Amino acid sequence: MKAAEPEIKEAGTKETARRIVRFLDTDIDGSLQTARAIRKIKGIGFVFSRISCQRAGVPESKKLGELGAAELKSLQDVIIAHDFPPFLLNRQKDMDTGKDIHLTRVPLEFTQKEDINLMKRIRSYKGVRHEMGQPVRGQSTRSTFRTQKTVGVSKKAVKEAKAPKAAPKPAPAKK
């Protein structure tokens, strides 16, 4: 009898594809295509993800769960290095450093909150709108952005229906 030979699985087959991939501190569905999957990371958009895949040499249409460790590492290095033209970066001429940087994940959220707090402190128009919970970018507020306010005209019949009906007073007894 011959000993059973072990099955050798190739790195790109569906059997070895991971369902959840931990990439840049984010759990991502491994069944998504690479370019679409890395857009799940906060701060990475459509164009940035496509160019990142091209620069890392990773096919955009390949599933993220099928990528090997070397391909994931090269993709991560490209994203972190952010050696991109300035118009692709989300923090151009940063107020603190004056440099063009690209933030993702937690640093992006923290920086956004700090920017809003700065606007509130210096009492800029946008800061005041943020404080009041109103739209900041010039949207119309006549019919939208209403919070717990009645809209429309209330009719007399509706008011009467809502008002509790008083019980009739008993007539005084005659002697």
C-alpha atoms as a PDB file:
ATOM      1  CA  MET A   1       0.000   0.000   0.000  1.00  0.00           C
ATOM      2  CA  LYS A   2       1.146   3.453  -0.833  1.00  0.00           C
ATOM      3  CA  ALA A   3       0.969   6.212   1.705  1.00  0.00           C
ATOM      4  CA  ALA A   4      -1.553   8.890   0.856  1.00  0.00           C
ATOM      5  CA  GLU A   5       0.111  11.939  -0.568  1.00  0.00           C
ATOM      6  CA  PRO A   6      -0.782  15.228   1.136  1.00  0.00           C
ATOM      7  CA  GLU A   7      -2.789  17.652  -0.937  1.00  0.00           C
ATOM      8  CA  ILE A   8      -0.832  20.731  -1.865  1.00  0.00           C
ATOM      9  CA  LYS A   9      -2.977  23.824  -2.181  1.00  0.00           C
ATOM     10  CA  GLU A  10      -1.834  26.746  -4.263  1.00  0.00           C
ATOM     11  CA  ALA A  11      -1.763  30.214  -2.723  1.00  0.00           C
ATOM     12  CA  GLY A  12      -4.461  31.600  -5.002  1.00  0.00           C
ATOM     13  CA  THR A  13      -7.178  28.960  -4.701  1.00  0.00           C
ATOM     14  CA  LYS A  14     -10.516  29.508  -3.057  1.00  0.00           C
ATOM     15  CA  GLU A  15      -9.766  26.943  -0.362  1.00  0.00           C
ATOM     16  CA  THR A  16      -7.044  29.160   1.117  1.00  0.00           C
ATOM     17  CA  ALA A  17      -8.946  32.423   0.724  1.00  0.00           C
ATOM     18  CA  ARG A  18      -9.568  34.103   4.044  1.00  0.00           C
ATOM     19  CA  ARG A  19     -13.055  35.374   4.861  1.00  0.00           C
ATOM     20  CA  ILE A  20     -11.919  38.252   7.063  1.00  0.00           C
ATOM     21  CA  VAL A  21      -8.631  40.047   6.458  1.00  0.00           C
ATOM     22  CA  ARG A  22      -7.024  42.304   9.052  1.00  0.00           C
ATOM     23  CA  PHE A  23      -5.509  45.151   7.067  1.00  0.00           C
ATOM     24  CA  LEU A  24      -4.353  48.484   8.515  1.00  0.00           C
ATOM     25  CA  ASP A  25      -6.106  47.807  11.847  1.00  0.00           C
ATOM     26  CA  THR A  26      -9.426  47.197  10.081  1.00  0.00           C
ATOM     27  CA  ASP A  27     -11.340  43.940   9.576  1.00  0.00           C
ATOM     28  CA  ILE A  28     -12.301  43.712   5.899  1.00  0.00           C
ATOM     29  CA  ASP A  29     -14.432  41.169   4.060  1.00  0.00           C
ATOM     30  CA  GLY A  30     -12.042  38.921   2.114  1.00  0.00           C
ATOM     31  CA  SER A  31     -14.558  38.192  -0.647  1.00  0.00           C
ATOM     32  CA  LEU A  32     -14.396  41.769  -1.972  1.00  0.00           C
ATOM     33  CA  GLN A  33     -12.118  42.803  -4.803  1.00  0.00           C
ATOM     34  CA  THR A  34      -8.944  44.481  -3.587  1.00  0.00           C
ATOM     35  CA  ALA A  35      -9.647  47.996  -4.857  1.00  0.00           C
ATOM     36  CA  ARG A  36     -13.154  47.909  -3.393  1.00  0.00           C
ATOM     37  CA  ALA A  37     -12.107  46.265  -0.141  1.00  0.00           C
ATOM     38  CA  ILE A  38      -9.498  48.811   0.890  1.00  0.00           C
ATOM     39  CA  ARG A  39     -12.085  51.564   0.419  1.00  0.00           C
ATOM     40  CA  LYS A  40     -13.683  50.220   3.620  1.00  0.00           C
ATOM     41  CA  ILE A  41     -10.810  51.866   5.510  1.00  0.00           C
ATOM     42  CA  LYS A  42     -11.729  55.381   6.634  1.00  0.00           C
ATOM     43  CA  GLY A  43      -9.762  57.922   4.610  1.00  0.00           C
ATOM     44  CA  ILE A  44      -9.265  55.804   1.484  1.00  0.00           C
ATOM     45  CA  GLY A  45     -11.453  56.639  -1.481  1.00  0.00           C
ATOM     46  CA  PHE A  46     -12.041  55.348  -4.987  1.00  0.00           C
ATOM     47  CA  VAL A  47      -9.121  56.948  -6.825  1.00  0.00           C
ATOM     48  CA  PHE A  48      -6.701  56.503  -3.936  1.00  0.00           C
ATOM     49  CA  SER A  49      -7.474  52.770  -3.716  1.00  0.00           C
ATOM     50  CA  ARG A  50      -7.035  52.203  -7.454  1.00  0.00           C
ATOM     51  CA  ILE A  51      -3.711  54.032  -7.597  1.00  0.00           C
ATOM     52  CA  SER A  52      -2.511  52.217  -4.460  1.00  0.00           C
ATOM     53  CA  CYS A  53      -3.221  48.856  -6.094  1.00  0.00           C
ATOM     54  CA  GLN A  54      -1.423  49.892  -9.278  1.00  0.00           C
ATOM     55  CA  ARG A  55       1.662  51.143  -7.428  1.00  0.00           C
ATOM     56  CA  ALA A  56       1.822  48.014  -5.252  1.00  0.00           C
ATOM     57  CA  GLY A  57       1.504  45.762  -8.297  1.00  0.00           C
ATOM     58  CA  VAL A  58      -1.623  44.083  -6.945  1.00  0.00           C
ATOM     59  CA  PRO A  59      -4.453  43.341  -9.389  1.00  0.00           C
ATOM     60  CA  GLU A  60      -7.547  45.369  -8.488  1.00  0.00           C
ATOM     61  CA  SER A  61      -9.940  42.576  -9.404  1.00  0.00           C
ATOM     62  CA  LYS A  62      -8.256  39.926  -7.240  1.00  0.00           C
ATOM     63  CA  LYS A  63     -10.109  39.121  -4.013  1.00  0.00           C
ATOM     64  CA  LEU A  64      -8.513  40.538  -0.874  1.00  0.00           C
ATOM     65  CA  GLY A  65      -8.701  37.147   0.868  1.00  0.00           C
ATOM     66  CA  GLU A  66      -6.634  35.566  -1.904  1.00  0.00           C
ATOM     67  CA  LEU A  67      -3.694  37.966  -1.556  1.00  0.00           C
ATOM     68  CA  GLY A  68      -0.524  36.636  -0.019  1.00  0.00           C
ATOM     69  CA  ALA A  69       1.343  38.192   2.875  1.00  0.00           C
ATOM     70  CA  ALA A  70       3.918  39.804   0.559  1.00  0.00           C
ATOM     71  CA  GLU A  71       1.214  41.439  -1.575  1.00  0.00           C
ATOM     72  CA  LEU A  72      -0.609  42.758   1.500  1.00  0.00           C
ATOM     73  CA  LYS A  73       2.667  44.110   2.888  1.00  0.00           C
ATOM     74  CA  SER A  74       3.505  45.917  -0.363  1.00  0.00           C
ATOM     75  CA  LEU A  75      -0.008  47.397  -0.516  1.00  0.00           C
ATOM     76  CA  GLN A  76       0.258  48.545   3.095  1.00  0.00           C
ATOM     77  CA  ASP A  77       3.687  50.122   2.454  1.00  0.00           C
ATOM     78  CA  VAL A  78       2.332  52.058  -0.529  1.00  0.00           C
ATOM     79  CA  ILE A  79      -0.636  53.401   1.451  1.00  0.00           C
ATOM     80  CA  ILE A  80       1.421  54.378   4.497  1.00  0.00           C
ATOM     81  CA  ALA A  81       4.215  55.989   2.448  1.00  0.00           C
ATOM     82  CA  HIS A  82       1.571  58.144   0.682  1.00  0.00           C
ATOM     83  CA  ASP A  83       4.005  59.073  -2.063  1.00  0.00           C
ATOM     84  CA  PHE A  84       1.147  60.457  -4.149  1.00  0.00           C
ATOM     85  CA  PRO A  85       0.538  63.762  -5.916  1.00  0.00           C
ATOM     86  CA  PRO A  86      -0.809  66.387  -3.493  1.00  0.00           C
ATOM     87  CA  PHE A  87      -4.273  66.528  -5.067  1.00  0.00           C
ATOM     88  CA  LEU A  88      -4.911  62.924  -3.986  1.00  0.00           C
ATOM     89  CA  LEU A  89      -4.073  63.529  -0.327  1.00  0.00           C
ATOM     90  CA  ASN A  90      -6.770  64.443   2.186  1.00  0.00           C
ATOM     91  CA  ARG A  91      -4.701  66.994   4.204  1.00  0.00           C
ATOM     92  CA  GLN A  92      -3.022  69.404   1.813  1.00  0.00           C
ATOM     93  CA  LYS A  93      -0.855  72.030   3.516  1.00  0.00           C
ATOM     94  CA  ASP A  94      -1.707  70.922   7.030  1.00  0.00           C
ATOM     95  CA  MET A  95      -2.110  73.868   9.451  1.00  0.00           C
ATOM     96  CA  ASP A  96       0.276  72.414  12.027  1.00  0.00           C
ATOM     97  CA  THR A  97       3.089  71.088   9.830  1.00  0.00           C
ATOM     98  CA  GLY A  98       2.517  72.827   6.492  1.00  0.00           C
ATOM     99  CA  LYS A  99       3.059  69.525   4.678  1.00  0.00           C
ATOM    100  CA  ASP A 100       0.831  67.464   2.413  1.00  0.00           C
ATOM    101  CA  ILE A 101      -0.192  64.328   4.313  1.00  0.00           C
ATOM    102  CA  HIS A 102      -2.784  61.590   4.006  1.00  0.00           C
ATOM    103  CA  LEU A 103      -4.542  60.478   7.183  1.00  0.00           C
ATOM    104  CA  THR A 104      -6.504  57.261   7.647  1.00  0.00           C
ATOM    105  CA  ARG A 105      -8.451  55.583  10.445  1.00  0.00           C
ATOM    106  CA  VAL A 106      -8.161  57.038  13.964  1.00  0.00           C
ATOM    107  CA  PRO A 107      -5.775  59.953  13.192  1.00  0.00           C
ATOM    108  CA  LEU A 108      -8.256  61.172  10.566  1.00  0.00           C
ATOM    109  CA  GLU A 109     -11.177  61.118  13.018  1.00  0.00           C
ATOM    110  CA  PHE A 110      -9.112  62.852  15.702  1.00  0.00           C
ATOM    111  CA  THR A 111      -7.933  65.571  13.317  1.00  0.00           C
ATOM    112  CA  GLN A 112     -11.472  66.219  12.071  1.00  0.00           C
ATOM    113  CA  LYS A 113     -12.725  66.645  15.649  1.00  0.00           C
ATOM    114  CA  GLU A 114      -9.844  68.986  16.460  1.00  0.00           C
ATOM    115  CA  ASP A 115     -10.548  71.088  13.353  1.00  0.00           C
ATOM    116  CA  ILE A 116     -14.209  71.446  14.348  1.00  0.00           C
ATOM    117  CA  ASN A 117     -13.226  72.359  17.927  1.00  0.00           C
ATOM    118  CA  LEU A 118     -10.822  75.004  16.583  1.00  0.00           C
ATOM    119  CA  MET A 119     -13.617  76.523  14.483  1.00  0.00           C
ATOM    120  CA  LYS A 120     -15.862  76.596  17.561  1.00  0.00           C
ATOM    121  CA  ARG A 121     -13.144  78.231  19.710  1.00  0.00           C
ATOM    122  CA  ILE A 122     -12.436  81.020  17.237  1.00  0.00           C
ATOM    123  CA  ARG A 123     -16.197  81.503  16.730  1.00  0.00           C
ATOM    124  CA  SER A 124     -16.083  81.182  12.956  1.00  0.00           C
ATOM    125  CA  TYR A 125     -19.358  80.934  11.053  1.00  0.00           C
ATOM    126  CA  LYS A 126     -18.845  77.227  10.434  1.00  0.00           C
ATOM    127  CA  GLY A 127     -18.002  76.677  14.097  1.00  0.00           C
ATOM    128  CA  VAL A 128     -21.193  78.407  15.236  1.00  0.00           C
ATOM    129  CA  ARG A 129     -23.240  76.316  12.794  1.00  0.00           C
ATOM    130  CA  HIS A 130     -21.602  73.151  14.176  1.00  0.00           C
ATOM    131  CA  GLU A 131     -22.502  74.198  17.722  1.00  0.00           C
ATOM    132  CA  MET A 132     -26.138  74.826  16.812  1.00  0.00           C
ATOM    133  CA  GLY A 133     -26.417  71.552  14.897  1.00  0.00           C
ATOM    134  CA  GLN A 134     -27.339  73.402  11.713  1.00  0.00           C
ATOM    135  CA  PRO A 135     -26.016  72.662   8.215  1.00  0.00           C
ATOM    136  CA  VAL A 136     -22.546  74.077   7.662  1.00  0.00           C
ATOM    137  CA  ARG A 137     -22.192  74.158   3.889  1.00  0.00           C
ATOM    138  CA  GLY A 138     -24.975  76.522   2.854  1.00  0.00           C
ATOM    139  CA  GLN A 139     -27.903  74.127   2.518  1.00  0.00           C
ATOM    140  CA  SER A 140     -31.426  75.482   2.641  1.00  0.00           C
ATOM    141  CA  THR A 141     -33.043  75.257   6.078  1.00  0.00           C
ATOM    142  CA  ARG A 142     -36.626  76.305   5.379  1.00  0.00           C
ATOM    143  CA  SER A 143     -38.054  72.810   5.008  1.00  0.00           C
ATOM    144  CA  THR A 144     -35.154  70.576   6.047  1.00  0.00           C
ATOM    145  CA  PHE A 145     -32.980  70.199   9.142  1.00  0.00           C
ATOM    146  CA  ARG A 146     -35.983  70.673  11.396  1.00  0.00           C
ATOM    147  CA  THR A 147     -35.699  68.964  14.738  1.00  0.00           C
ATOM    148  CA  GLN A 148     -38.797  68.198  16.818  1.00  0.00           C
ATOM    149  CA  LYS A 149     -40.840  70.970  15.262  1.00  0.00           C
ATOM    150  CA  THR A 150     -44.330  70.726  13.867  1.00  0.00           C
ATOM    151  CA  VAL A 151     -44.597  71.390  10.161  1.00  0.00           C
ATOM    152  CA  GLY A 152     -47.809  72.593   8.539  1.00  0.00           C
ATOM    153  CA  VAL A 153     -51.038  74.156   9.727  1.00  0.00           C
ATOM    154  CA  SER A 154     -53.071  72.511  12.463  1.00  0.00           C
ATOM    155  CA  LYS A 155     -56.814  72.593  11.876  1.00  0.00           C
ATOM    156  CA  LYS A 156     -59.476  73.280  14.420  1.00  0.00           C
ATOM    157  CA  ALA A 157     -60.987  69.781  14.145  1.00  0.00           C
ATOM    158  CA  VAL A 158     -57.623  68.162  14.817  1.00  0.00           C
ATOM    159  CA  LYS A 159     -57.079  70.325  17.905  1.00  0.00           C
ATOM    160  CA  GLU A 160     -60.505  69.427  19.271  1.00  0.00           C
ATOM    161  CA  ALA A 161     -59.908  65.727  18.711  1.00  0.00           C
ATOM    162  CA  LYS A 162     -56.639  65.870  20.604  1.00  0.00           C
ATOM    163  CA  ALA A 163     -58.054  67.857  23.521  1.00  0.00           C
ATOM    164  CA  PRO A 164     -59.507  65.637  26.290  1.00  0.00           C
ATOM    165  CA  LYS A 165     -63.258  65.938  26.502  1.00  0.00           C
ATOM    166  CA  ALA A 166     -64.470  67.206  29.847  1.00  0.00           C
ATOM    167  CA  ALA A 167     -67.100  65.117  31.604  1.00  0.00           C
ATOM    168  CA  PRO A 168     -70.519  66.860  31.723  1.00  0.00           C
ATOM    169  CA  LYS A 169     -71.287  68.518  35.022  1.00  0.00           C
ATOM    170  CA  PRO A 170     -74.189  66.993  36.922  1.00  0.00           C
ATOM    171  CA  ALA A 171     -77.233  69.226  37.102  1.00  0.00           C
ATOM    172  CA  PRO A 172     -77.956  70.634  40.581  1.00  0.00           C
ATOM    173  CA  ALA A 173     -80.674  68.757  42.410  1.00  0.00           C
ATOM    174  CA  LYS A 174     -83.959  70.667  42.872  1.00  0.00           C
ATOM    175  CA  LYS A 175     -85.700  70.618  46.251  1.00  0.00           C
END
